[in-house]
Amino acid sequence: MSIVTDLLARSGVIAAGQYTYKAELLAYEGALSAEHANIIAISCYDMTKNMAMEGDMLTALNLQGGNRPPQGWIMRGPDYTVCVVANVFCLIDNHKGSLNKTLGFMRQALANSSLDLV
């Protein structure tokens, strides 16, 4: 099984995907059209690059950011959450799933992933 398939089997996950560090969609499953999955992959790539830049700025200011390289990020709305670890994203229905359990699973499954952005 792939990480995408494993994520989709988790409670509350409505879609999951994986992208390259060049913003290309590698795989996706769930309640997304191919077009929407591609848009999400590009958005996740862009946000991850932005997080890396913010980490660099904090490091340059000697604020001991401790967040470089970025390992992931989360954006939570009232109904849905986007969760990204390494180059894998998932969409979670907040009313049906647990962010903590899903994030914990992603962190464990992707612990040895390369975090270098090309």
N, C-alpha and C. Protein backbone atom coordinates (compact mmCIF):
# COMPACT_ATOMS: atom_id res chain seq x y z
N MET A 1 0.84 -1.19 0.00
CA MET A 1 0.00 0.00 0.00
C MET A 1 0.88 1.25 0.00
N SER A 2 0.36 2.30 -0.58
CA SER A 2 1.08 3.56 -0.59
C SER A 2 0.61 4.43 0.57
N ILE A 3 1.38 5.46 0.88
CA ILE A 3 0.99 6.38 1.94
C ILE A 3 -0.35 7.04 1.62
N VAL A 4 -0.60 7.31 0.35
CA VAL A 4 -1.87 7.94 -0.05
C VAL A 4 -3.03 7.00 0.25
N THR A 5 -2.91 5.74 -0.11
CA THR A 5 -3.96 4.75 0.16
C THR A 5 -4.13 4.56 1.67
N ASP A 6 -3.03 4.49 2.39
CA ASP A 6 -3.10 4.34 3.85
C ASP A 6 -3.81 5.52 4.50
N LEU A 7 -3.53 6.74 4.03
CA LEU A 7 -4.18 7.92 4.60
C LEU A 7 -5.67 7.91 4.32
N LEU A 8 -6.03 7.56 3.11
CA LEU A 8 -7.45 7.57 2.74
C LEU A 8 -8.26 6.57 3.57
N ALA A 9 -7.62 5.54 4.07
CA ALA A 9 -8.30 4.54 4.89
C ALA A 9 -8.54 5.04 6.32
N ARG A 10 -7.94 6.15 6.69
CA ARG A 10 -8.08 6.67 8.05
C ARG A 10 -9.39 7.43 8.20
N SER A 11 -9.93 7.40 9.39
CA SER A 11 -11.20 8.05 9.68
C SER A 11 -11.11 9.55 9.43
N GLY A 12 -12.07 10.07 8.67
CA GLY A 12 -12.17 11.50 8.42
C GLY A 12 -11.38 12.01 7.24
N VAL A 13 -10.43 11.24 6.72
CA VAL A 13 -9.64 11.69 5.57
C VAL A 13 -10.49 11.52 4.32
N ILE A 14 -10.72 12.64 3.61
CA ILE A 14 -11.57 12.58 2.43
C ILE A 14 -10.76 12.57 1.13
N ALA A 15 -9.49 12.98 1.21
CA ALA A 15 -8.62 12.95 0.04
C ALA A 15 -7.17 13.02 0.50
N ALA A 16 -6.29 12.44 -0.30
CA ALA A 16 -4.86 12.48 0.01
C ALA A 16 -4.09 12.44 -1.29
N GLY A 17 -2.88 12.96 -1.24
CA GLY A 17 -2.05 12.96 -2.44
C GLY A 17 -0.59 13.18 -2.12
N GLN A 18 0.20 13.02 -3.14
CA GLN A 18 1.64 13.19 -3.02
C GLN A 18 2.12 14.00 -4.21
N TYR A 19 3.06 14.92 -3.98
CA TYR A 19 3.56 15.77 -5.04
C TYR A 19 5.08 15.81 -5.00
N THR A 20 5.67 16.22 -6.12
CA THR A 20 7.13 16.35 -6.17
C THR A 20 7.50 17.73 -5.66
N TYR A 21 8.78 17.92 -5.41
CA TYR A 21 9.25 19.23 -5.00
C TYR A 21 9.45 20.14 -6.21
N LYS A 22 8.78 19.81 -7.29
CA LYS A 22 8.67 20.69 -8.46
C LYS A 22 7.19 20.96 -8.74
N ALA A 23 6.36 20.69 -7.74
CA ALA A 23 4.92 20.95 -7.78
C ALA A 23 4.16 20.07 -8.76
N GLU A 24 4.67 18.89 -9.05
CA GLU A 24 3.97 17.95 -9.93
C GLU A 24 3.24 16.91 -9.08
N LEU A 25 2.00 16.66 -9.42
CA LEU A 25 1.20 15.68 -8.70
C LEU A 25 1.69 14.27 -9.04
N LEU A 26 2.04 13.51 -8.02
CA LEU A 26 2.48 12.12 -8.23
C LEU A 26 1.32 11.14 -8.15
N ALA A 27 0.49 11.33 -7.14
CA ALA A 27 -0.62 10.40 -6.91
C ALA A 27 -1.67 11.10 -6.06
N TYR A 28 -2.92 10.68 -6.21
CA TYR A 28 -3.98 11.17 -5.33
C TYR A 28 -5.11 10.16 -5.33
N GLU A 29 -5.88 10.19 -4.26
CA GLU A 29 -7.08 9.37 -4.15
C GLU A 29 -8.10 10.15 -3.33
N GLY A 30 -9.35 9.83 -3.53
CA GLY A 30 -10.38 10.44 -2.71
C GLY A 30 -11.30 11.35 -3.48
N ALA A 31 -11.97 12.22 -2.75
CA ALA A 31 -13.04 13.06 -3.28
C ALA A 31 -12.50 14.32 -3.96
N LEU A 32 -11.62 14.15 -4.92
CA LEU A 32 -11.06 15.26 -5.69
C LEU A 32 -11.03 14.90 -7.17
N SER A 33 -11.30 15.89 -8.00
CA SER A 33 -11.07 15.68 -9.42
C SER A 33 -9.57 15.79 -9.66
N ALA A 34 -9.12 15.32 -10.80
CA ALA A 34 -7.69 15.43 -11.14
C ALA A 34 -7.26 16.89 -11.16
N GLU A 35 -8.13 17.75 -11.67
CA GLU A 35 -7.80 19.19 -11.72
C GLU A 35 -7.64 19.77 -10.32
N HIS A 36 -8.56 19.45 -9.42
CA HIS A 36 -8.47 19.97 -8.05
C HIS A 36 -7.27 19.39 -7.31
N ALA A 37 -6.98 18.12 -7.52
CA ALA A 37 -5.81 17.51 -6.89
C ALA A 37 -4.54 18.19 -7.35
N ASN A 38 -4.47 18.53 -8.63
CA ASN A 38 -3.30 19.22 -9.17
C ASN A 38 -3.17 20.62 -8.55
N ILE A 39 -4.28 21.33 -8.43
CA ILE A 39 -4.27 22.66 -7.82
C ILE A 39 -3.81 22.58 -6.36
N ILE A 40 -4.30 21.59 -5.63
CA ILE A 40 -3.89 21.42 -4.24
C ILE A 40 -2.40 21.09 -4.15
N ALA A 41 -1.91 20.22 -5.03
CA ALA A 41 -0.49 19.88 -5.03
C ALA A 41 0.38 21.11 -5.26
N ILE A 42 -0.01 21.95 -6.20
CA ILE A 42 0.75 23.18 -6.46
C ILE A 42 0.68 24.12 -5.26
N SER A 43 -0.51 24.25 -4.66
CA SER A 43 -0.67 25.11 -3.49
C SER A 43 0.15 24.61 -2.31
N CYS A 44 0.16 23.30 -2.10
CA CYS A 44 0.93 22.73 -0.99
C CYS A 44 2.43 22.93 -1.21
N TYR A 45 2.87 22.75 -2.43
CA TYR A 45 4.27 23.00 -2.76
C TYR A 45 4.63 24.46 -2.47
N ASP A 46 3.79 25.39 -2.94
CA ASP A 46 4.06 26.81 -2.73
C ASP A 46 4.10 27.16 -1.24
N MET A 47 3.15 26.64 -0.48
CA MET A 47 3.13 26.94 0.96
C MET A 47 4.35 26.35 1.66
N THR A 48 4.76 25.16 1.26
CA THR A 48 5.95 24.55 1.86
C THR A 48 7.19 25.39 1.56
N LYS A 49 7.29 25.90 0.34
CA LYS A 49 8.40 26.80 -0.01
C LYS A 49 8.35 28.07 0.83
N ASN A 50 7.15 28.61 1.04
CA ASN A 50 7.01 29.81 1.88
C ASN A 50 7.43 29.53 3.32
N MET A 51 7.06 28.37 3.82
CA MET A 51 7.44 28.01 5.19
C MET A 51 8.97 27.91 5.30
N ALA A 52 9.61 27.37 4.27
CA ALA A 52 11.07 27.29 4.26
C ALA A 52 11.69 28.68 4.28
N MET A 53 11.12 29.60 3.52
CA MET A 53 11.63 30.97 3.49
C MET A 53 11.47 31.64 4.86
N GLU A 54 10.33 31.46 5.50
CA GLU A 54 10.13 32.03 6.82
C GLU A 54 11.11 31.44 7.83
N GLY A 55 11.37 30.15 7.72
CA GLY A 55 12.37 29.53 8.59
C GLY A 55 13.75 30.12 8.37
N ASP A 56 14.10 30.38 7.12
CA ASP A 56 15.39 31.01 6.80
C ASP A 56 15.46 32.42 7.40
N MET A 57 14.37 33.17 7.31
CA MET A 57 14.36 34.53 7.87
C MET A 57 14.53 34.50 9.38
N LEU A 58 13.85 33.59 10.06
CA LEU A 58 13.99 33.49 11.50
C LEU A 58 15.41 33.09 11.89
N THR A 59 15.99 32.18 11.11
CA THR A 59 17.37 31.76 11.37
C THR A 59 18.32 32.94 11.18
N ALA A 60 18.10 33.75 10.14
CA ALA A 60 18.95 34.91 9.87
C ALA A 60 18.87 35.94 10.99
N LEU A 61 17.74 36.00 11.67
CA LEU A 61 17.57 36.94 12.77
C LEU A 61 18.07 36.37 14.10
N ASN A 62 18.62 35.16 14.06
CA ASN A 62 19.10 34.48 15.26
C ASN A 62 18.01 34.33 16.32
N LEU A 63 16.81 34.03 15.87
CA LEU A 63 15.70 33.84 16.80
C LEU A 63 15.56 32.39 17.23
N GLN A 64 16.52 31.58 16.89
CA GLN A 64 16.51 30.16 17.24
C GLN A 64 15.17 29.52 16.86
N GLY A 65 14.79 29.77 15.61
CA GLY A 65 13.50 29.28 15.14
C GLY A 65 13.32 27.79 15.29
N GLY A 66 14.36 27.00 15.05
CA GLY A 66 14.24 25.56 15.18
C GLY A 66 13.23 24.94 14.23
N ASN A 67 12.87 25.68 13.20
CA ASN A 67 11.87 25.15 12.28
C ASN A 67 12.43 25.04 10.86
N ARG A 68 13.71 24.79 10.77
CA ARG A 68 14.35 24.67 9.46
C ARG A 68 15.07 23.36 9.38
N PRO A 69 14.87 22.52 8.41
CA PRO A 69 13.90 22.65 7.33
C PRO A 69 12.49 22.35 7.82
N PRO A 70 11.49 22.91 7.16
CA PRO A 70 10.11 22.64 7.59
C PRO A 70 9.76 21.18 7.35
N GLN A 71 9.08 20.59 8.30
CA GLN A 71 8.68 19.19 8.18
C GLN A 71 7.22 19.06 7.78
N GLY A 72 6.51 20.17 7.83
CA GLY A 72 5.11 20.13 7.44
C GLY A 72 4.38 21.35 7.95
N TRP A 73 3.09 21.39 7.67
CA TRP A 73 2.25 22.50 8.11
C TRP A 73 0.79 22.06 8.08
N ILE A 74 -0.05 22.84 8.76
CA ILE A 74 -1.48 22.53 8.86
C ILE A 74 -2.26 23.83 8.69
N MET A 75 -3.35 23.76 7.96
CA MET A 75 -4.29 24.87 7.89
C MET A 75 -5.67 24.31 8.23
N ARG A 76 -6.22 24.80 9.33
CA ARG A 76 -7.50 24.29 9.81
C ARG A 76 -8.59 25.34 9.61
N GLY A 77 -9.66 24.92 9.01
CA GLY A 77 -10.85 25.75 8.85
C GLY A 77 -11.96 25.18 9.71
N PRO A 78 -13.14 25.78 9.66
CA PRO A 78 -14.24 25.30 10.50
C PRO A 78 -14.70 23.88 10.16
N ASP A 79 -14.59 23.48 8.89
CA ASP A 79 -15.08 22.16 8.49
C ASP A 79 -13.98 21.21 8.03
N TYR A 80 -12.93 21.76 7.42
CA TYR A 80 -11.88 20.91 6.85
C TYR A 80 -10.50 21.39 7.25
N THR A 81 -9.56 20.45 7.25
CA THR A 81 -8.16 20.75 7.55
C THR A 81 -7.29 20.19 6.45
N VAL A 82 -6.31 20.98 6.03
CA VAL A 82 -5.27 20.51 5.12
C VAL A 82 -4.04 20.23 5.98
N CYS A 83 -3.51 19.05 5.84
CA CYS A 83 -2.35 18.64 6.62
C CYS A 83 -1.26 18.17 5.65
N VAL A 84 -0.06 18.73 5.79
CA VAL A 84 1.04 18.38 4.89
C VAL A 84 2.24 17.97 5.73
N VAL A 85 2.82 16.83 5.41
CA VAL A 85 4.08 16.38 5.99
C VAL A 85 4.94 15.93 4.82
N ALA A 86 6.19 16.43 4.79
CA ALA A 86 7.10 16.18 3.67
C ALA A 86 6.40 16.61 2.39
N ASN A 87 6.16 15.70 1.48
CA ASN A 87 5.49 16.05 0.21
C ASN A 87 4.17 15.30 0.05
N VAL A 88 3.49 15.06 1.16
CA VAL A 88 2.21 14.35 1.17
C VAL A 88 1.16 15.25 1.82
N PHE A 89 0.00 15.36 1.18
CA PHE A 89 -1.09 16.16 1.75
C PHE A 89 -2.30 15.29 1.99
N CYS A 90 -3.12 15.72 2.93
CA CYS A 90 -4.43 15.09 3.11
C CYS A 90 -5.43 16.14 3.52
N LEU A 91 -6.67 15.90 3.17
CA LEU A 91 -7.79 16.75 3.56
C LEU A 91 -8.62 15.97 4.56
N ILE A 92 -8.88 16.59 5.69
CA ILE A 92 -9.59 15.92 6.78
C ILE A 92 -10.90 16.63 7.05
N ASP A 93 -11.96 15.87 7.17
CA ASP A 93 -13.25 16.40 7.62
C ASP A 93 -13.16 16.51 9.14
N ASN A 94 -13.20 17.74 9.66
CA ASN A 94 -13.01 17.97 11.09
C ASN A 94 -14.05 17.29 11.96
N HIS A 95 -15.22 17.03 11.41
CA HIS A 95 -16.30 16.43 12.20
C HIS A 95 -16.25 14.91 12.22
N LYS A 96 -15.42 14.32 11.37
CA LYS A 96 -15.39 12.86 11.25
C LYS A 96 -14.04 12.25 11.60
N GLY A 97 -13.00 13.06 11.70
CA GLY A 97 -11.67 12.50 11.92
C GLY A 97 -10.89 13.26 12.97
N SER A 98 -9.76 12.71 13.34
CA SER A 98 -8.89 13.30 14.34
C SER A 98 -7.61 13.81 13.68
N LEU A 99 -7.39 15.12 13.77
CA LEU A 99 -6.17 15.70 13.24
C LEU A 99 -4.95 15.11 13.95
N ASN A 100 -5.01 14.98 15.26
CA ASN A 100 -3.87 14.47 16.03
C ASN A 100 -3.47 13.06 15.58
N LYS A 101 -4.46 12.20 15.42
CA LYS A 101 -4.15 10.83 15.00
C LYS A 101 -3.62 10.78 13.57
N THR A 102 -4.22 11.56 12.69
CA THR A 102 -3.77 11.58 11.30
C THR A 102 -2.38 12.17 11.19
N LEU A 103 -2.13 13.28 11.86
CA LEU A 103 -0.81 13.90 11.84
C LEU A 103 0.24 12.97 12.45
N GLY A 104 -0.10 12.31 13.53
CA GLY A 104 0.83 11.35 14.14
C GLY A 104 1.18 10.23 13.18
N PHE A 105 0.18 9.72 12.48
CA PHE A 105 0.42 8.67 11.49
C PHE A 105 1.34 9.17 10.39
N MET A 106 1.06 10.38 9.87
CA MET A 106 1.89 10.94 8.80
C MET A 106 3.33 11.15 9.26
N ARG A 107 3.50 11.69 10.45
CA ARG A 107 4.85 11.94 10.96
C ARG A 107 5.63 10.64 11.10
N GLN A 108 4.98 9.60 11.57
CA GLN A 108 5.66 8.31 11.73
C GLN A 108 5.96 7.68 10.37
N ALA A 109 4.99 7.70 9.47
CA ALA A 109 5.16 7.05 8.17
C ALA A 109 6.18 7.78 7.29
N LEU A 110 6.30 9.09 7.49
CA LEU A 110 7.18 9.90 6.63
C LEU A 110 8.43 10.39 7.36
N ALA A 111 8.74 9.77 8.48
CA ALA A 111 9.87 10.22 9.31
C ALA A 111 11.20 10.22 8.56
N ASN A 112 11.39 9.32 7.64
CA ASN A 112 12.67 9.23 6.93
C ASN A 112 12.63 9.88 5.55
N SER A 113 11.60 10.66 5.27
CA SER A 113 11.50 11.33 3.97
C SER A 113 12.49 12.48 3.88
N SER A 114 12.99 12.70 2.68
CA SER A 114 13.86 13.84 2.45
C SER A 114 13.03 15.12 2.53
N LEU A 115 13.55 16.09 3.24
CA LEU A 115 12.85 17.36 3.40
C LEU A 115 13.51 18.47 2.60
N ASP A 116 14.48 18.12 1.76
CA ASP A 116 15.17 19.11 0.95
C ASP A 116 14.30 19.54 -0.22
N LEU A 117 14.07 20.82 -0.29
CA LEU A 117 13.31 21.36 -1.43
C LEU A 117 14.27 21.65 -2.55
N VAL A 118 13.92 21.21 -3.74
CA VAL A 118 14.79 21.43 -4.90
C VAL A 118 14.36 22.67 -5.63
